[in-house]
């Protein structure tokens, strides 16, 4: 008759894992500071509770894992890791560490900067869950205002809008340059006359946020295609659909490979696109969030 298995204690599972790791009851007893008979009794109780034999004690001098023992061992390791993670998270909470943070970054922030910051964050704050959103222009500030995100890495437009209740910390900038495909008329024209860019379709990054509705950055042409996705803009530029401003880190390989051409426009376009780390004044970041802002500031200082 099959009966439901009992519920083992965490101590029983750790005794079992130690025996499995060291290959003997005596070795487990020495490591855990217990008598060998106590270790043997714990394993026997565990087997009785689960209703399966975990260790074969008869065929060899050292106990060997049975098929059931190997399956239970894998589950026991998962439980032990989960408990260790739980203890670490609770310890962090006791010290004021956030359980989770939501970050929203401007799509123009170079990917290398995001990767560098998040790798460091993962190493220093392994118990803090992180959610990353990527948005354009005013949508970054909107998510912070709406409390969807704790921290934002925003472009300059939100700052120019003068949003009350938002703290801002400068974290550098990225250079935007006008580019087009090699077969685009602007790329084939050589020296360009003032106003030439206004005769061609400009691909413009936009968003649906009310904070920046109707606000343009670096737009000189009355003919525009507005895109909410920077990746889509990048693809269309390479296909020669239009011209537009792009962050240098995203297009420098395309320029070197001849897939895009940097345009020398007499019109005032491109330039530095400034970033600020932002958060609500009534909801300042905790230790993990503050560390992330500090890392972004260090990146900016290192690039000066």
Protein backbone atom coordinates (compact mmCIF):
# COMPACT_ATOMS: atom_id res chain seq x y z
CA UNK A 1 0.00 0.00 0.00
CA UNK A 2 1.42 3.37 -1.04
CA UNK A 3 1.30 6.06 1.64
CA UNK A 4 1.98 9.76 1.34
CA UNK A 5 5.59 10.65 2.23
CA UNK A 6 6.18 12.57 5.42
CA UNK A 7 7.72 16.03 5.67
CA UNK A 8 11.46 15.95 6.39
CA UNK A 9 13.15 18.63 8.43
CA UNK A 10 15.78 20.95 6.97
CA UNK A 11 18.32 19.40 9.35
CA UNK A 12 17.59 15.90 8.02
CA UNK A 13 18.09 17.09 4.45
CA UNK A 14 21.38 18.78 5.31
CA UNK A 15 22.62 15.63 7.04
CA UNK A 16 21.69 13.63 3.93
CA UNK A 17 23.47 16.12 1.62
CA UNK A 18 26.60 16.01 3.79
CA UNK A 19 26.68 12.19 3.72
CA UNK A 20 26.21 12.23 -0.06
CA UNK A 21 28.97 14.84 -0.52
CA UNK A 22 31.52 13.10 1.72
CA UNK A 23 30.58 9.52 0.91
CA UNK A 24 30.52 8.29 4.51
CA UNK A 25 28.64 8.57 7.78
CA UNK A 26 31.87 9.09 9.72
CA UNK A 27 32.95 11.96 7.47
CA UNK A 28 29.55 13.63 7.82
CA UNK A 29 29.72 13.17 11.59
CA UNK A 30 33.13 14.89 11.77
CA UNK A 31 32.01 17.81 9.60
CA UNK A 32 28.75 18.34 11.48
CA UNK A 33 30.27 17.71 14.93
CA UNK A 34 27.96 14.82 15.77
CA UNK A 35 28.32 11.15 16.62
CA UNK A 36 28.27 8.71 13.71
CA UNK A 37 25.30 6.94 15.29
CA UNK A 38 23.35 10.22 15.26
CA UNK A 39 24.05 10.66 11.54
CA UNK A 40 22.98 7.07 10.81
CA UNK A 41 19.81 7.53 12.86
CA UNK A 42 18.94 10.78 11.01
CA UNK A 43 19.29 9.09 7.61
CA UNK A 44 17.21 6.10 8.74
CA UNK A 45 14.48 8.43 9.99
CA UNK A 46 14.54 10.36 6.71
CA UNK A 47 14.17 7.16 4.69
CA UNK A 48 11.30 6.04 6.92
CA UNK A 49 9.53 9.37 6.53
CA UNK A 50 9.89 9.43 2.75
CA UNK A 51 9.20 5.72 2.31
CA UNK A 52 12.22 5.15 0.01
CA UNK A 53 15.77 3.89 0.41
CA UNK A 54 18.20 6.75 -0.21
CA UNK A 55 21.53 5.02 0.41
CA UNK A 56 22.68 1.50 -0.43
CA UNK A 57 24.71 0.38 2.57
CA UNK A 58 25.21 -3.28 1.62
CA UNK A 59 26.91 -3.50 -1.79
CA UNK A 60 30.02 -1.42 -0.95
CA UNK A 61 31.97 -0.29 2.09
CA UNK A 62 30.79 3.27 1.51
CA UNK A 63 27.11 4.12 1.22
CA UNK A 64 26.05 4.74 -2.37
CA UNK A 65 23.12 6.80 -3.57
CA UNK A 66 20.21 4.81 -4.89
CA UNK A 67 18.21 6.04 -7.87
CA UNK A 68 15.66 7.49 -5.45
CA UNK A 69 18.52 8.98 -3.43
CA UNK A 70 19.86 10.87 -6.46
CA UNK A 71 16.42 12.33 -7.18
CA UNK A 72 15.87 13.37 -3.55
CA UNK A 73 19.37 14.84 -3.35
CA UNK A 74 18.67 17.18 -6.27
CA UNK A 75 15.48 18.40 -4.59
CA UNK A 76 17.23 18.76 -1.24
CA UNK A 77 19.89 20.98 -2.78
CA UNK A 78 17.20 23.18 -4.29
CA UNK A 79 15.44 23.50 -0.93
CA UNK A 80 18.70 24.31 0.84
CA UNK A 81 19.59 26.98 -1.71
CA UNK A 82 16.13 28.48 -1.37
CA UNK A 83 16.42 28.63 2.41
CA UNK A 84 19.86 30.26 2.17
CA UNK A 85 18.43 32.81 -0.25
CA UNK A 86 15.50 33.48 2.08
CA UNK A 87 17.83 34.05 5.04
CA UNK A 88 20.03 36.39 2.99
CA UNK A 89 17.00 38.39 1.80
CA UNK A 90 15.60 38.73 5.32
CA UNK A 91 19.01 39.82 6.62
CA UNK A 92 19.11 42.47 3.91
CA UNK A 93 15.60 43.66 4.82
CA UNK A 94 16.63 43.93 8.47
CA UNK A 95 19.50 46.18 7.35
CA UNK A 96 17.18 48.40 5.29
CA UNK A 97 17.99 46.84 1.90
CA UNK A 98 15.23 46.96 -0.71
CA UNK A 99 13.50 43.66 -1.53
CA UNK A 100 13.21 44.77 -5.17
CA UNK A 101 13.70 47.84 -7.31
CA UNK A 102 12.20 48.86 -10.64
CA UNK A 103 14.46 50.83 -12.97
CA UNK A 104 13.46 52.59 -16.19
CA UNK A 105 16.17 53.73 -18.61
CA UNK A 106 16.09 55.95 -21.67
CA UNK A 107 16.60 53.86 -24.82
CA UNK A 108 19.43 56.17 -25.84
CA UNK A 109 21.54 55.16 -22.82
CA UNK A 110 24.40 53.10 -24.30
CA UNK A 111 23.94 49.37 -23.77
CA UNK A 112 27.50 49.02 -22.45
CA UNK A 113 26.68 51.36 -19.58
CA UNK A 114 23.54 49.43 -18.67
CA UNK A 115 25.38 46.09 -18.76
CA UNK A 116 28.26 47.40 -16.65
CA UNK A 117 25.93 48.80 -14.00
CA UNK A 118 23.67 45.76 -13.80
CA UNK A 119 26.54 43.27 -13.64
CA UNK A 120 27.96 45.16 -10.68
CA UNK A 121 24.52 45.40 -9.10
CA UNK A 122 23.98 41.64 -9.46
CA UNK A 123 27.32 40.95 -7.79
CA UNK A 124 26.84 43.33 -4.85
CA UNK A 125 23.10 42.84 -4.30
CA UNK A 126 22.26 39.22 -5.22
CA UNK A 127 19.13 39.16 -3.05
CA UNK A 128 17.52 42.28 -4.55
CA UNK A 129 15.12 41.55 -7.41
CA UNK A 130 15.41 44.03 -10.28
CA UNK A 131 12.98 44.89 -13.07
CA UNK A 132 14.30 46.92 -16.01
CA UNK A 133 12.08 48.96 -18.33
CA UNK A 134 13.34 50.70 -21.47
CA UNK A 135 11.40 53.78 -22.57
CA UNK A 136 11.87 56.91 -24.69
CA UNK A 137 11.88 60.58 -23.74
CA UNK A 138 9.17 61.61 -21.24
CA UNK A 139 7.94 58.06 -20.70
CA UNK A 140 10.92 57.55 -18.36
CA UNK A 141 9.81 60.34 -16.01
CA UNK A 142 6.19 59.26 -16.32
CA UNK A 143 6.93 55.80 -14.92
CA UNK A 144 8.79 57.35 -11.99
CA UNK A 145 5.96 59.80 -11.31
CA UNK A 146 3.42 56.97 -11.49
CA UNK A 147 5.52 54.93 -9.00
CA UNK A 148 5.96 52.12 -11.50
CA UNK A 149 9.74 52.66 -11.34
CA UNK A 150 11.82 53.63 -8.31
CA UNK A 151 14.69 55.05 -10.37
CA UNK A 152 14.81 56.46 -13.87
CA UNK A 153 17.72 57.29 -16.17
CA UNK A 154 16.12 60.09 -18.11
CA UNK A 155 17.05 62.21 -21.10
CA UNK A 156 17.04 66.04 -21.01
CA UNK A 157 13.43 66.66 -22.00
CA UNK A 158 11.95 65.81 -18.63
CA UNK A 159 14.40 68.20 -16.97
CA UNK A 160 13.44 71.02 -19.30
CA UNK A 161 9.76 70.39 -18.49
CA UNK A 162 10.47 71.35 -14.84
CA UNK A 163 8.65 68.44 -13.18
CA UNK A 164 7.94 69.09 -9.50
CA UNK A 165 8.65 66.38 -6.96
CA UNK A 166 11.51 64.81 -8.92
CA UNK A 167 15.14 64.77 -7.76
CA UNK A 168 17.77 64.77 -10.51
CA UNK A 169 21.42 63.71 -10.50
CA UNK A 170 23.55 64.14 -13.61
CA UNK A 171 24.99 60.87 -14.95
CA UNK A 172 26.67 61.93 -18.18
CA UNK A 173 25.57 62.13 -21.78
CA UNK A 174 25.85 60.49 -25.19
CA UNK A 175 26.65 62.19 -28.49
CA UNK A 176 23.99 62.02 -31.19
CA UNK A 177 25.06 62.32 -34.82
CA UNK A 178 23.03 62.50 -38.06
CA UNK A 179 23.37 59.37 -40.22
CA UNK A 180 21.88 57.84 -43.34
CA UNK A 181 22.43 54.80 -45.56
CA UNK A 182 25.19 55.13 -48.20
CA UNK A 183 22.63 55.25 -51.04
CA UNK A 184 20.50 57.94 -49.39
CA UNK A 185 20.50 61.26 -51.33
CA UNK A 186 22.04 63.13 -48.38
CA UNK A 187 24.91 60.65 -48.22
CA UNK A 188 25.57 60.87 -51.97
CA UNK A 189 25.42 64.64 -52.28
CA UNK A 190 28.86 65.49 -50.92
CA UNK A 191 28.90 69.03 -49.50
CA UNK A 192 25.36 69.87 -48.40
CA UNK A 193 23.70 73.25 -48.60
CA UNK A 194 21.92 74.73 -45.57
CA UNK A 195 18.37 73.45 -45.42
CA UNK A 196 19.09 70.39 -47.58
CA UNK A 197 18.12 68.02 -44.74
CA UNK A 198 14.65 69.58 -44.55
CA UNK A 199 13.85 68.23 -48.01
CA UNK A 200 14.14 64.61 -46.84
CA UNK A 201 12.23 62.43 -44.39
CA UNK A 202 13.73 62.50 -40.91
CA UNK A 203 13.20 59.49 -38.65
CA UNK A 204 12.37 60.76 -35.18
CA UNK A 205 12.17 58.93 -31.87
CA UNK A 206 8.94 59.67 -30.05
CA UNK A 207 6.83 58.36 -27.17
CA UNK A 208 3.24 58.38 -25.99
CA UNK A 209 3.94 60.20 -22.72
CA UNK A 210 1.96 63.41 -22.14
CA UNK A 211 5.12 64.92 -20.63
CA UNK A 212 6.76 65.22 -24.05
CA UNK A 213 3.80 65.19 -26.40
CA UNK A 214 4.54 67.72 -29.15
CA UNK A 215 8.13 68.25 -27.95
CA UNK A 216 10.91 67.50 -30.45
CA UNK A 217 14.62 66.96 -29.92
CA UNK A 218 16.96 67.63 -32.85
CA UNK A 219 14.16 67.74 -35.44
CA UNK A 220 14.90 69.99 -38.46
CA UNK A 221 12.75 68.49 -41.20
CA UNK A 222 9.00 69.07 -41.58
CA UNK A 223 8.85 65.59 -43.13
CA UNK A 224 9.06 63.14 -40.26
CA UNK A 225 8.34 59.51 -39.51
CA UNK A 226 7.89 59.07 -35.77
CA UNK A 227 8.98 55.81 -34.19
CA UNK A 228 8.61 54.65 -30.59
CA UNK A 229 11.31 51.98 -30.98
CA UNK A 230 14.99 52.87 -31.37
CA UNK A 231 15.77 49.46 -32.87
CA UNK A 232 13.18 50.00 -35.59
CA UNK A 233 14.67 53.44 -36.33
CA UNK A 234 18.12 51.87 -36.61
CA UNK A 235 16.87 49.26 -39.10
CA UNK A 236 15.03 51.80 -41.26
CA UNK A 237 18.07 54.08 -41.37
CA UNK A 238 20.23 51.24 -42.69
CA UNK A 239 17.56 50.49 -45.29
CA UNK A 240 17.72 54.06 -46.59
CA UNK A 241 14.15 54.96 -45.61
CA UNK A 242 15.22 58.30 -44.14
CA UNK A 243 17.93 60.06 -42.14
CA UNK A 244 18.10 60.67 -38.43
CA UNK A 245 20.13 61.29 -35.29
CA UNK A 246 21.55 58.25 -33.50
CA UNK A 247 23.82 57.71 -30.48
CA UNK A 248 27.41 57.15 -31.61
CA UNK A 249 27.91 53.85 -29.68
CA UNK A 250 24.95 52.30 -31.51
CA UNK A 251 26.10 53.19 -35.03
CA UNK A 252 29.90 53.35 -34.92
CA UNK A 253 30.27 49.77 -36.18
CA UNK A 254 27.79 50.46 -39.00
CA UNK A 255 29.77 53.55 -40.01
CA UNK A 256 33.05 51.62 -39.95
CA UNK A 257 31.49 48.84 -42.06
CA UNK A 258 29.92 51.26 -44.54
CA UNK A 259 26.33 50.39 -43.64
CA UNK A 260 25.72 53.99 -42.51
CA UNK A 261 27.34 57.33 -43.31
CA UNK A 262 27.80 60.21 -40.88
CA UNK A 263 26.23 63.28 -42.43
CA UNK A 264 27.91 66.68 -42.36
CA UNK A 265 24.81 68.84 -42.10
CA UNK A 266 25.02 72.64 -41.96
CA UNK A 267 21.75 72.57 -39.99
CA UNK A 268 22.03 72.48 -36.21
CA UNK A 269 21.34 68.82 -35.39
CA UNK A 270 22.73 66.05 -33.24
CA UNK A 271 24.83 67.05 -30.22
CA UNK A 272 25.04 65.91 -26.62
CA UNK A 273 22.02 64.15 -25.14
CA UNK A 274 22.23 64.51 -21.36
CA UNK A 275 21.17 61.85 -18.85
CA UNK A 276 19.92 62.32 -15.28
CA UNK A 277 19.20 59.70 -12.66
CA UNK A 278 15.78 60.61 -11.25
CA UNK A 279 13.55 59.55 -8.38
CA UNK A 280 10.56 60.92 -6.49
CA UNK A 281 11.49 63.24 -3.62
CA UNK A 282 8.98 61.42 -1.39
CA UNK A 283 10.41 57.98 -2.28
CA UNK A 284 14.23 58.17 -2.23
CA UNK A 285 16.15 55.01 -3.15
CA UNK A 286 17.53 52.68 -0.51
CA UNK A 287 21.06 51.27 -0.37
CA UNK A 288 20.77 49.21 -3.59
CA UNK A 289 19.18 52.01 -5.60
CA UNK A 290 21.71 54.54 -4.28
CA UNK A 291 24.53 52.19 -5.29
CA UNK A 292 23.14 51.98 -8.82
CA UNK A 293 23.01 55.78 -9.16
CA UNK A 294 26.55 56.01 -7.79
CA UNK A 295 27.78 53.49 -10.39
CA UNK A 296 26.18 55.54 -13.18
CA UNK A 297 27.89 58.68 -11.88
CA UNK A 298 31.24 56.88 -11.77
CA UNK A 299 30.75 55.82 -15.39
CA UNK A 300 30.11 59.40 -16.40
CA UNK A 301 33.15 60.67 -14.48
CA UNK A 302 35.33 58.01 -16.10
CA UNK A 303 34.29 59.07 -19.60
CA UNK A 304 35.11 62.77 -19.07
